[in-house]
């Protein structure tokens, strides 16, 4: 079974993250990701980048809901 820590590791292997939180029940996961790689990209582009970096790992993750932020955006809400 896939754990939140597995999903977190998968994301961190492909994306430089300044902050990441992942919660889930083994099938459905929610992630908050802060990355400089999101700068200059819209929300949809940011999410596509995460899914692209996950690649074939998405086959073992049933559902993944993302909240993505640039460091600047995160600093305004954190």
PDB file of N, CA and C in Angstrom:
ATOM      1  N   UNK A   1       0.833  -1.185   0.000  1.00  0.00           N
ATOM      2  CA  UNK A   1       0.000   0.000   0.000  1.00  0.00           C
ATOM      3  C   UNK A   1       0.879   1.251   0.000  1.00  0.00           C
ATOM      4  N   UNK A   2       0.481   2.249  -0.735  1.00  0.00           N
ATOM      5  CA  UNK A   2       1.212   3.507  -0.825  1.00  0.00           C
ATOM      6  C   UNK A   2       0.862   4.356   0.401  1.00  0.00           C
ATOM      7  N   UNK A   3       1.871   4.952   1.015  1.00  0.00           N
ATOM      8  CA  UNK A   3       1.665   5.799   2.190  1.00  0.00           C
ATOM      9  C   UNK A   3       1.892   7.263   1.820  1.00  0.00           C
ATOM     10  N   UNK A   4       1.433   8.191   2.668  1.00  0.00           N
ATOM     11  CA  UNK A   4       1.732   9.598   2.426  1.00  0.00           C
ATOM     12  C   UNK A   4       3.237   9.868   2.319  1.00  0.00           C
ATOM     13  N   UNK A   5       4.030   9.164   3.127  1.00  0.00           N
ATOM     14  CA  UNK A   5       5.492   9.339   3.046  1.00  0.00           C
ATOM     15  C   UNK A   5       6.031   8.887   1.693  1.00  0.00           C
ATOM     16  N   UNK A   6       5.461   7.803   1.129  1.00  0.00           N
ATOM     17  CA  UNK A   6       5.861   7.353  -0.210  1.00  0.00           C
ATOM     18  C   UNK A   6       5.598   8.449  -1.228  1.00  0.00           C
ATOM     19  N   UNK A   7       4.395   9.013  -1.193  1.00  0.00           N
ATOM     20  CA  UNK A   7       4.013  10.053  -2.151  1.00  0.00           C
ATOM     21  C   UNK A   7       4.922  11.270  -1.993  1.00  0.00           C
ATOM     22  N   UNK A   8       5.197  11.638  -0.758  1.00  0.00           N
ATOM     23  CA  UNK A   8       6.101  12.767  -0.491  1.00  0.00           C
ATOM     24  C   UNK A   8       7.475  12.511  -1.096  1.00  0.00           C
ATOM     25  N   UNK A   9       7.989  11.323  -0.903  1.00  0.00           N
ATOM     26  CA  UNK A   9       9.296  10.955  -1.461  1.00  0.00           C
ATOM     27  C   UNK A   9       9.270  10.986  -2.985  1.00  0.00           C
ATOM     28  N   UNK A  10       8.213  10.438  -3.588  1.00  0.00           N
ATOM     29  CA  UNK A  10       8.093  10.446  -5.045  1.00  0.00           C
ATOM     30  C   UNK A  10       8.147  11.876  -5.584  1.00  0.00           C
ATOM     31  N   UNK A  11       7.424  12.783  -4.934  1.00  0.00           N
ATOM     32  CA  UNK A  11       7.396  14.177  -5.394  1.00  0.00           C
ATOM     33  C   UNK A  11       8.763  14.816  -5.220  1.00  0.00           C
ATOM     34  N   UNK A  12       9.395  14.602  -4.078  1.00  0.00           N
ATOM     35  CA  UNK A  12      10.697  15.207  -3.802  1.00  0.00           C
ATOM     36  C   UNK A  12      11.796  14.672  -4.712  1.00  0.00           C
ATOM     37  N   UNK A  13      11.645  13.464  -5.219  1.00  0.00           N
ATOM     38  CA  UNK A  13      12.648  12.905  -6.127  1.00  0.00           C
ATOM     39  C   UNK A  13      12.664  13.636  -7.462  1.00  0.00           C
ATOM     40  N   UNK A  14      11.522  14.219  -7.848  1.00  0.00           N
ATOM     41  CA  UNK A  14      11.452  14.872  -9.148  1.00  0.00           C
ATOM     42  C   UNK A  14      11.340  16.371  -9.108  1.00  0.00           C
ATOM     43  N   UNK A  15      11.096  16.934  -7.923  1.00  0.00           N
ATOM     44  CA  UNK A  15      10.806  18.350  -7.820  1.00  0.00           C
ATOM     45  C   UNK A  15      11.495  18.914  -6.587  1.00  0.00           C
ATOM     46  N   UNK A  16      12.196  20.022  -6.769  1.00  0.00           N
ATOM     47  CA  UNK A  16      12.838  20.689  -5.640  1.00  0.00           C
ATOM     48  C   UNK A  16      11.761  21.416  -4.836  1.00  0.00           C
ATOM     49  N   UNK A  17      11.534  20.970  -3.610  1.00  0.00           N
ATOM     50  CA  UNK A  17      10.464  21.523  -2.780  1.00  0.00           C
ATOM     51  C   UNK A  17      11.047  22.279  -1.587  1.00  0.00           C
ATOM     52  N   UNK A  18      10.520  23.463  -1.349  1.00  0.00           N
ATOM     53  CA  UNK A  18      10.902  24.200  -0.148  1.00  0.00           C
ATOM     54  C   UNK A  18      10.042  23.779   1.031  1.00  0.00           C
ATOM     55  N   UNK A  19       8.837  23.296   0.723  1.00  0.00           N
ATOM     56  CA  UNK A  19       7.918  22.820   1.750  1.00  0.00           C
ATOM     57  C   UNK A  19       6.992  21.808   1.090  1.00  0.00           C
ATOM     58  N   UNK A  20       6.689  20.733   1.801  1.00  0.00           N
ATOM     59  CA  UNK A  20       5.754  19.742   1.269  1.00  0.00           C
ATOM     60  C   UNK A  20       5.051  19.043   2.424  1.00  0.00           C
ATOM     61  N   UNK A  21       3.744  18.889   2.279  1.00  0.00           N
ATOM     62  CA  UNK A  21       2.924  18.141   3.229  1.00  0.00           C
ATOM     63  C   UNK A  21       2.076  17.183   2.402  1.00  0.00           C
ATOM     64  N   UNK A  22       1.991  15.943   2.828  1.00  0.00           N
ATOM     65  CA  UNK A  22       1.142  14.965   2.144  1.00  0.00           C
ATOM     66  C   UNK A  22       0.351  14.191   3.196  1.00  0.00           C
ATOM     67  N   UNK A  23      -0.948  14.115   2.983  1.00  0.00           N
ATOM     68  CA  UNK A  23      -1.830  13.322   3.840  1.00  0.00           C
ATOM     69  C   UNK A  23      -2.621  12.386   2.950  1.00  0.00           C
ATOM     70  N   UNK A  24      -3.038  11.257   3.494  1.00  0.00           N
ATOM     71  CA  UNK A  24      -3.839  10.348   2.695  1.00  0.00           C
ATOM     72  C   UNK A  24      -4.136   9.052   3.405  1.00  0.00           C
ATOM     73  N   UNK A  25      -4.981   8.257   2.744  1.00  0.00           N
ATOM     74  CA  UNK A  25      -5.450   7.007   3.333  1.00  0.00           C
ATOM     75  C   UNK A  25      -4.968   5.766   2.585  1.00  0.00           C
ATOM     76  N   UNK A  26      -3.987   5.935   1.703  1.00  0.00           N
ATOM     77  CA  UNK A  26      -3.487   4.798   0.932  1.00  0.00           C
ATOM     78  C   UNK A  26      -4.023   4.768  -0.486  1.00  0.00           C
ATOM     79  N   UNK A  27      -5.119   5.476  -0.739  1.00  0.00           N
ATOM     80  CA  UNK A  27      -5.702   5.559  -2.084  1.00  0.00           C
ATOM     81  C   UNK A  27      -5.882   7.013  -2.520  1.00  0.00           C
ATOM     82  N   UNK A  28      -6.305   7.855  -1.602  1.00  0.00           N
ATOM     83  CA  UNK A  28      -6.557   9.258  -1.902  1.00  0.00           C
ATOM     84  C   UNK A  28      -5.590  10.113  -1.090  1.00  0.00           C
ATOM     85  N   UNK A  29      -4.928  11.038  -1.762  1.00  0.00           N
ATOM     86  CA  UNK A  29      -3.909  11.846  -1.107  1.00  0.00           C
ATOM     87  C   UNK A  29      -4.147  13.324  -1.394  1.00  0.00           C
ATOM     88  N   UNK A  30      -3.767  14.158  -0.412  1.00  0.00           N
ATOM     89  CA  UNK A  30      -3.790  15.607  -0.543  1.00  0.00           C
ATOM     90  C   UNK A  30      -2.373  16.096  -0.287  1.00  0.00           C
ATOM     91  N   UNK A  31      -1.884  16.967  -1.175  1.00  0.00           N
ATOM     92  CA  UNK A  31      -0.526  17.478  -1.024  1.00  0.00           C
ATOM     93  C   UNK A  31      -0.507  18.999  -1.135  1.00  0.00           C
ATOM     94  N   UNK A  32       0.306  19.602  -0.276  1.00  0.00           N
ATOM     95  CA  UNK A  32       0.618  21.025  -0.352  1.00  0.00           C
ATOM     96  C   UNK A  32       2.097  21.093  -0.712  1.00  0.00           C
ATOM     97  N   UNK A  33       2.396  21.758  -1.829  1.00  0.00           N
ATOM     98  CA  UNK A  33       3.773  21.784  -2.323  1.00  0.00           C
ATOM     99  C   UNK A  33       4.190  23.222  -2.592  1.00  0.00           C
ATOM    100  N   UNK A  34       5.356  23.601  -2.079  1.00  0.00           N
ATOM    101  CA  UNK A  34       5.938  24.916  -2.327  1.00  0.00           C
ATOM    102  C   UNK A  34       7.252  24.685  -3.058  1.00  0.00           C
ATOM    103  N   UNK A  35       7.381  25.289  -4.249  1.00  0.00           N
ATOM    104  CA  UNK A  35       8.588  25.076  -5.051  1.00  0.00           C
ATOM    105  C   UNK A  35       8.913  26.298  -5.897  1.00  0.00           C
ATOM    106  N   UNK A  36      10.212  26.598  -5.994  1.00  0.00           N
ATOM    107  CA  UNK A  36      10.670  27.667  -6.896  1.00  0.00           C
ATOM    108  C   UNK A  36      10.381  27.313  -8.347  1.00  0.00           C
ATOM    109  N   UNK A  37      10.261  26.020  -8.628  1.00  0.00           N
ATOM    110  CA  UNK A  37      10.003  25.585 -10.003  1.00  0.00           C
ATOM    111  C   UNK A  37       8.626  26.015 -10.493  1.00  0.00           C
ATOM    112  N   UNK A  38       7.752  26.470  -9.597  1.00  0.00           N
ATOM    113  CA  UNK A  38       6.423  26.928  -9.979  1.00  0.00           C
ATOM    114  C   UNK A  38       6.403  28.391 -10.414  1.00  0.00           C
ATOM    115  N   UNK A  39       7.488  29.109 -10.175  1.00  0.00           N
ATOM    116  CA  UNK A  39       7.529  30.534 -10.505  1.00  0.00           C
ATOM    117  C   UNK A  39       7.297  30.755 -11.992  1.00  0.00           C
ATOM    118  N   UNK A  40       6.422  31.722 -12.303  1.00  0.00           N
ATOM    119  CA  UNK A  40       6.117  32.045 -13.689  1.00  0.00           C
ATOM    120  C   UNK A  40       5.105  31.123 -14.338  1.00  0.00           C
ATOM    121  N   UNK A  41       4.565  30.188 -13.563  1.00  0.00           N
ATOM    122  CA  UNK A  41       3.590  29.237 -14.100  1.00  0.00           C
ATOM    123  C   UNK A  41       2.238  29.451 -13.422  1.00  0.00           C
ATOM    124  N   UNK A  42       1.170  29.244 -14.164  1.00  0.00           N
ATOM    125  CA  UNK A  42      -0.168  29.286 -13.595  1.00  0.00           C
ATOM    126  C   UNK A  42      -0.428  28.023 -12.795  1.00  0.00           C
ATOM    127  N   UNK A  43      -1.539  28.019 -12.055  1.00  0.00           N
ATOM    128  CA  UNK A  43      -1.864  26.881 -11.197  1.00  0.00           C
ATOM    129  C   UNK A  43      -1.943  25.567 -11.973  1.00  0.00           C
ATOM    130  N   UNK A  44      -2.595  25.589 -13.127  1.00  0.00           N
ATOM    131  CA  UNK A  44      -2.722  24.362 -13.924  1.00  0.00           C
ATOM    132  C   UNK A  44      -1.354  23.881 -14.400  1.00  0.00           C
ATOM    133  N   UNK A  45      -0.496  24.806 -14.819  1.00  0.00           N
ATOM    134  CA  UNK A  45       0.859  24.430 -15.255  1.00  0.00           C
ATOM    135  C   UNK A  45       1.666  23.854 -14.101  1.00  0.00           C
ATOM    136  N   UNK A  46       1.482  24.407 -12.913  1.00  0.00           N
ATOM    137  CA  UNK A  46       2.184  23.895 -11.730  1.00  0.00           C
ATOM    138  C   UNK A  46       1.766  22.459 -11.449  1.00  0.00           C
ATOM    139  N   UNK A  47       0.456  22.218 -11.494  1.00  0.00           N
ATOM    140  CA  UNK A  47      -0.042  20.880 -11.213  1.00  0.00           C
ATOM    141  C   UNK A  47       0.389  19.881 -12.286  1.00  0.00           C
ATOM    142  N   UNK A  48       0.366  20.307 -13.531  1.00  0.00           N
ATOM    143  CA  UNK A  48       0.846  19.428 -14.606  1.00  0.00           C
ATOM    144  C   UNK A  48       2.308  19.077 -14.417  1.00  0.00           C
ATOM    145  N   UNK A  49       3.104  20.041 -13.938  1.00  0.00           N
ATOM    146  CA  UNK A  49       4.519  19.791 -13.687  1.00  0.00           C
ATOM    147  C   UNK A  49       4.687  18.690 -12.634  1.00  0.00           C
ATOM    148  N   UNK A  50       3.904  18.766 -11.565  1.00  0.00           N
ATOM    149  CA  UNK A  50       3.987  17.735 -10.518  1.00  0.00           C
ATOM    150  C   UNK A  50       3.630  16.363 -11.089  1.00  0.00           C
ATOM    151  N   UNK A  51       2.525  16.299 -11.829  1.00  0.00           N
ATOM    152  CA  UNK A  51       2.108  15.011 -12.397  1.00  0.00           C
ATOM    153  C   UNK A  51       3.132  14.476 -13.394  1.00  0.00           C
ATOM    154  N   UNK A  52       3.743  15.382 -14.155  1.00  0.00           N
ATOM    155  CA  UNK A  52       4.786  14.962 -15.109  1.00  0.00           C
ATOM    156  C   UNK A  52       5.987  14.399 -14.360  1.00  0.00           C
ATOM    157  N   UNK A  53       6.384  15.062 -13.280  1.00  0.00           N
ATOM    158  CA  UNK A  53       7.529  14.595 -12.489  1.00  0.00           C
ATOM    159  C   UNK A  53       7.230  13.239 -11.838  1.00  0.00           C
ATOM    160  N   UNK A  54       5.966  13.015 -11.466  1.00  0.00           N
ATOM    161  CA  UNK A  54       5.591  11.733 -10.863  1.00  0.00           C
ATOM    162  C   UNK A  54       5.600  10.607 -11.890  1.00  0.00           C
ATOM    163  N   UNK A  55       5.279  10.936 -13.124  1.00  0.00           N
ATOM    164  CA  UNK A  55       5.326   9.958 -14.206  1.00  0.00           C
ATOM    165  C   UNK A  55       4.558   8.682 -13.890  1.00  0.00           C
ATOM    166  N   UNK A  56       5.226   7.533 -14.041  1.00  0.00           N
ATOM    167  CA  UNK A  56       4.556   6.245 -13.861  1.00  0.00           C
ATOM    168  C   UNK A  56       4.205   5.935 -12.404  1.00  0.00           C
ATOM    169  N   UNK A  57       4.696   6.740 -11.463  1.00  0.00           N
ATOM    170  CA  UNK A  57       4.317   6.556 -10.058  1.00  0.00           C
ATOM    171  C   UNK A  57       2.822   6.818  -9.864  1.00  0.00           C
ATOM    172  N   UNK A  58       2.211   7.588 -10.786  1.00  0.00           N
ATOM    173  CA  UNK A  58       0.776   7.857 -10.688  1.00  0.00           C
ATOM    174  C   UNK A  58      -0.047   6.582 -10.848  1.00  0.00           C
ATOM    175  N   UNK A  59       0.551   5.537 -11.388  1.00  0.00           N
ATOM    176  CA  UNK A  59      -0.162   4.268 -11.538  1.00  0.00           C
ATOM    177  C   UNK A  59      -0.472   3.632 -10.187  1.00  0.00           C
ATOM    178  N   UNK A  60       0.324   3.929  -9.157  1.00  0.00           N
ATOM    179  CA  UNK A  60       0.089   3.352  -7.831  1.00  0.00           C
ATOM    180  C   UNK A  60      -0.626   4.319  -6.894  1.00  0.00           C
ATOM    181  N   UNK A  61      -0.802   5.556  -7.337  1.00  0.00           N
ATOM    182  CA  UNK A  61      -1.538   6.559  -6.561  1.00  0.00           C
ATOM    183  C   UNK A  61      -2.911   6.699  -7.191  1.00  0.00           C
ATOM    184  N   UNK A  62      -3.938   6.329  -6.465  1.00  0.00           N
ATOM    185  CA  UNK A  62      -5.294   6.356  -7.018  1.00  0.00           C
ATOM    186  C   UNK A  62      -5.761   7.785  -7.300  1.00  0.00           C
ATOM    187  N   UNK A  63      -5.605   8.668  -6.330  1.00  0.00           N
ATOM    188  CA  UNK A  63      -6.054  10.057  -6.497  1.00  0.00           C
ATOM    189  C   UNK A  63      -5.119  10.979  -5.725  1.00  0.00           C
ATOM    190  N   UNK A  64      -4.784  12.113  -6.342  1.00  0.00           N
ATOM    191  CA  UNK A  64      -3.892  13.081  -5.728  1.00  0.00           C
ATOM    192  C   UNK A  64      -4.437  14.474  -5.964  1.00  0.00           C
ATOM    193  N   UNK A  65      -4.785  15.143  -4.876  1.00  0.00           N
ATOM    194  CA  UNK A  65      -5.260  16.520  -4.934  1.00  0.00           C
ATOM    195  C   UNK A  65      -4.097  17.429  -4.552  1.00  0.00           C
ATOM    196  N   UNK A  66      -3.846  18.451  -5.361  1.00  0.00           N
ATOM    197  CA  UNK A  66      -2.689  19.317  -5.153  1.00  0.00           C
ATOM    198  C   UNK A  66      -3.074  20.746  -4.831  1.00  0.00           C
ATOM    199  N   UNK A  67      -2.317  21.330  -3.915  1.00  0.00           N
ATOM    200  CA  UNK A  67      -2.322  22.773  -3.687  1.00  0.00           C
ATOM    201  C   UNK A  67      -0.869  23.185  -3.874  1.00  0.00           C
ATOM    202  N   UNK A  68      -0.611  23.973  -4.918  1.00  0.00           N
ATOM    203  CA  UNK A  68       0.759  24.334  -5.264  1.00  0.00           C
ATOM    204  C   UNK A  68       0.967  25.834  -5.078  1.00  0.00           C
ATOM    205  N   UNK A  69       2.164  26.183  -4.609  1.00  0.00           N
ATOM    206  CA  UNK A  69       2.500  27.574  -4.332  1.00  0.00           C
ATOM    207  C   UNK A  69       3.955  27.849  -4.677  1.00  0.00           C
ATOM    208  N   UNK A  70       4.221  29.063  -5.120  1.00  0.00           N
ATOM    209  CA  UNK A  70       5.598  29.533  -5.201  1.00  0.00           C
ATOM    210  C   UNK A  70       6.004  29.933  -3.784  1.00  0.00           C
ATOM    211  N   UNK A  71       7.301  30.066  -3.504  1.00  0.00           N
ATOM    212  CA  UNK A  71       7.707  30.515  -2.168  1.00  0.00           C
ATOM    213  C   UNK A  71       7.084  31.874  -1.802  1.00  0.00           C
ATOM    214  N   UNK A  72       7.000  32.776  -2.757  1.00  0.00           N
ATOM    215  CA  UNK A  72       6.420  34.093  -2.506  1.00  0.00           C
ATOM    216  C   UNK A  72       4.944  33.969  -2.109  1.00  0.00           C
ATOM    217  N   UNK A  73       4.197  33.155  -2.844  1.00  0.00           N
ATOM    218  CA  UNK A  73       2.790  32.940  -2.512  1.00  0.00           C
ATOM    219  C   UNK A  73       2.646  32.307  -1.132  1.00  0.00           C
ATOM    220  N   UNK A  74       3.477  31.330  -0.833  1.00  0.00           N
ATOM    221  CA  UNK A  74       3.414  30.627   0.447  1.00  0.00           C
ATOM    222  C   UNK A  74       3.712  31.573   1.601  1.00  0.00           C
ATOM    223  N   UNK A  75       4.703  32.448   1.439  1.00  0.00           N
ATOM    224  CA  UNK A  75       5.066  33.387   2.508  1.00  0.00           C
ATOM    225  C   UNK A  75       3.937  34.346   2.839  1.00  0.00           C
ATOM    226  N   UNK A  76       3.084  34.622   1.872  1.00  0.00           N
ATOM    227  CA  UNK A  76       1.953  35.533   2.105  1.00  0.00           C
ATOM    228  C   UNK A  76       0.836  34.879   2.913  1.00  0.00           C
ATOM    229  N   UNK A  77       0.724  33.547   2.836  1.00  0.00           N
ATOM    230  CA  UNK A  77      -0.373  32.874   3.546  1.00  0.00           C
ATOM    231  C   UNK A  77       0.083  32.103   4.782  1.00  0.00           C
ATOM    232  N   UNK A  78       1.353  31.794   4.848  1.00  0.00           N
ATOM    233  CA  UNK A  78       1.862  30.972   5.975  1.00  0.00           C
ATOM    234  C   UNK A  78       2.061  31.792   7.226  1.00  0.00           C
TER     235      UNK A  78
END
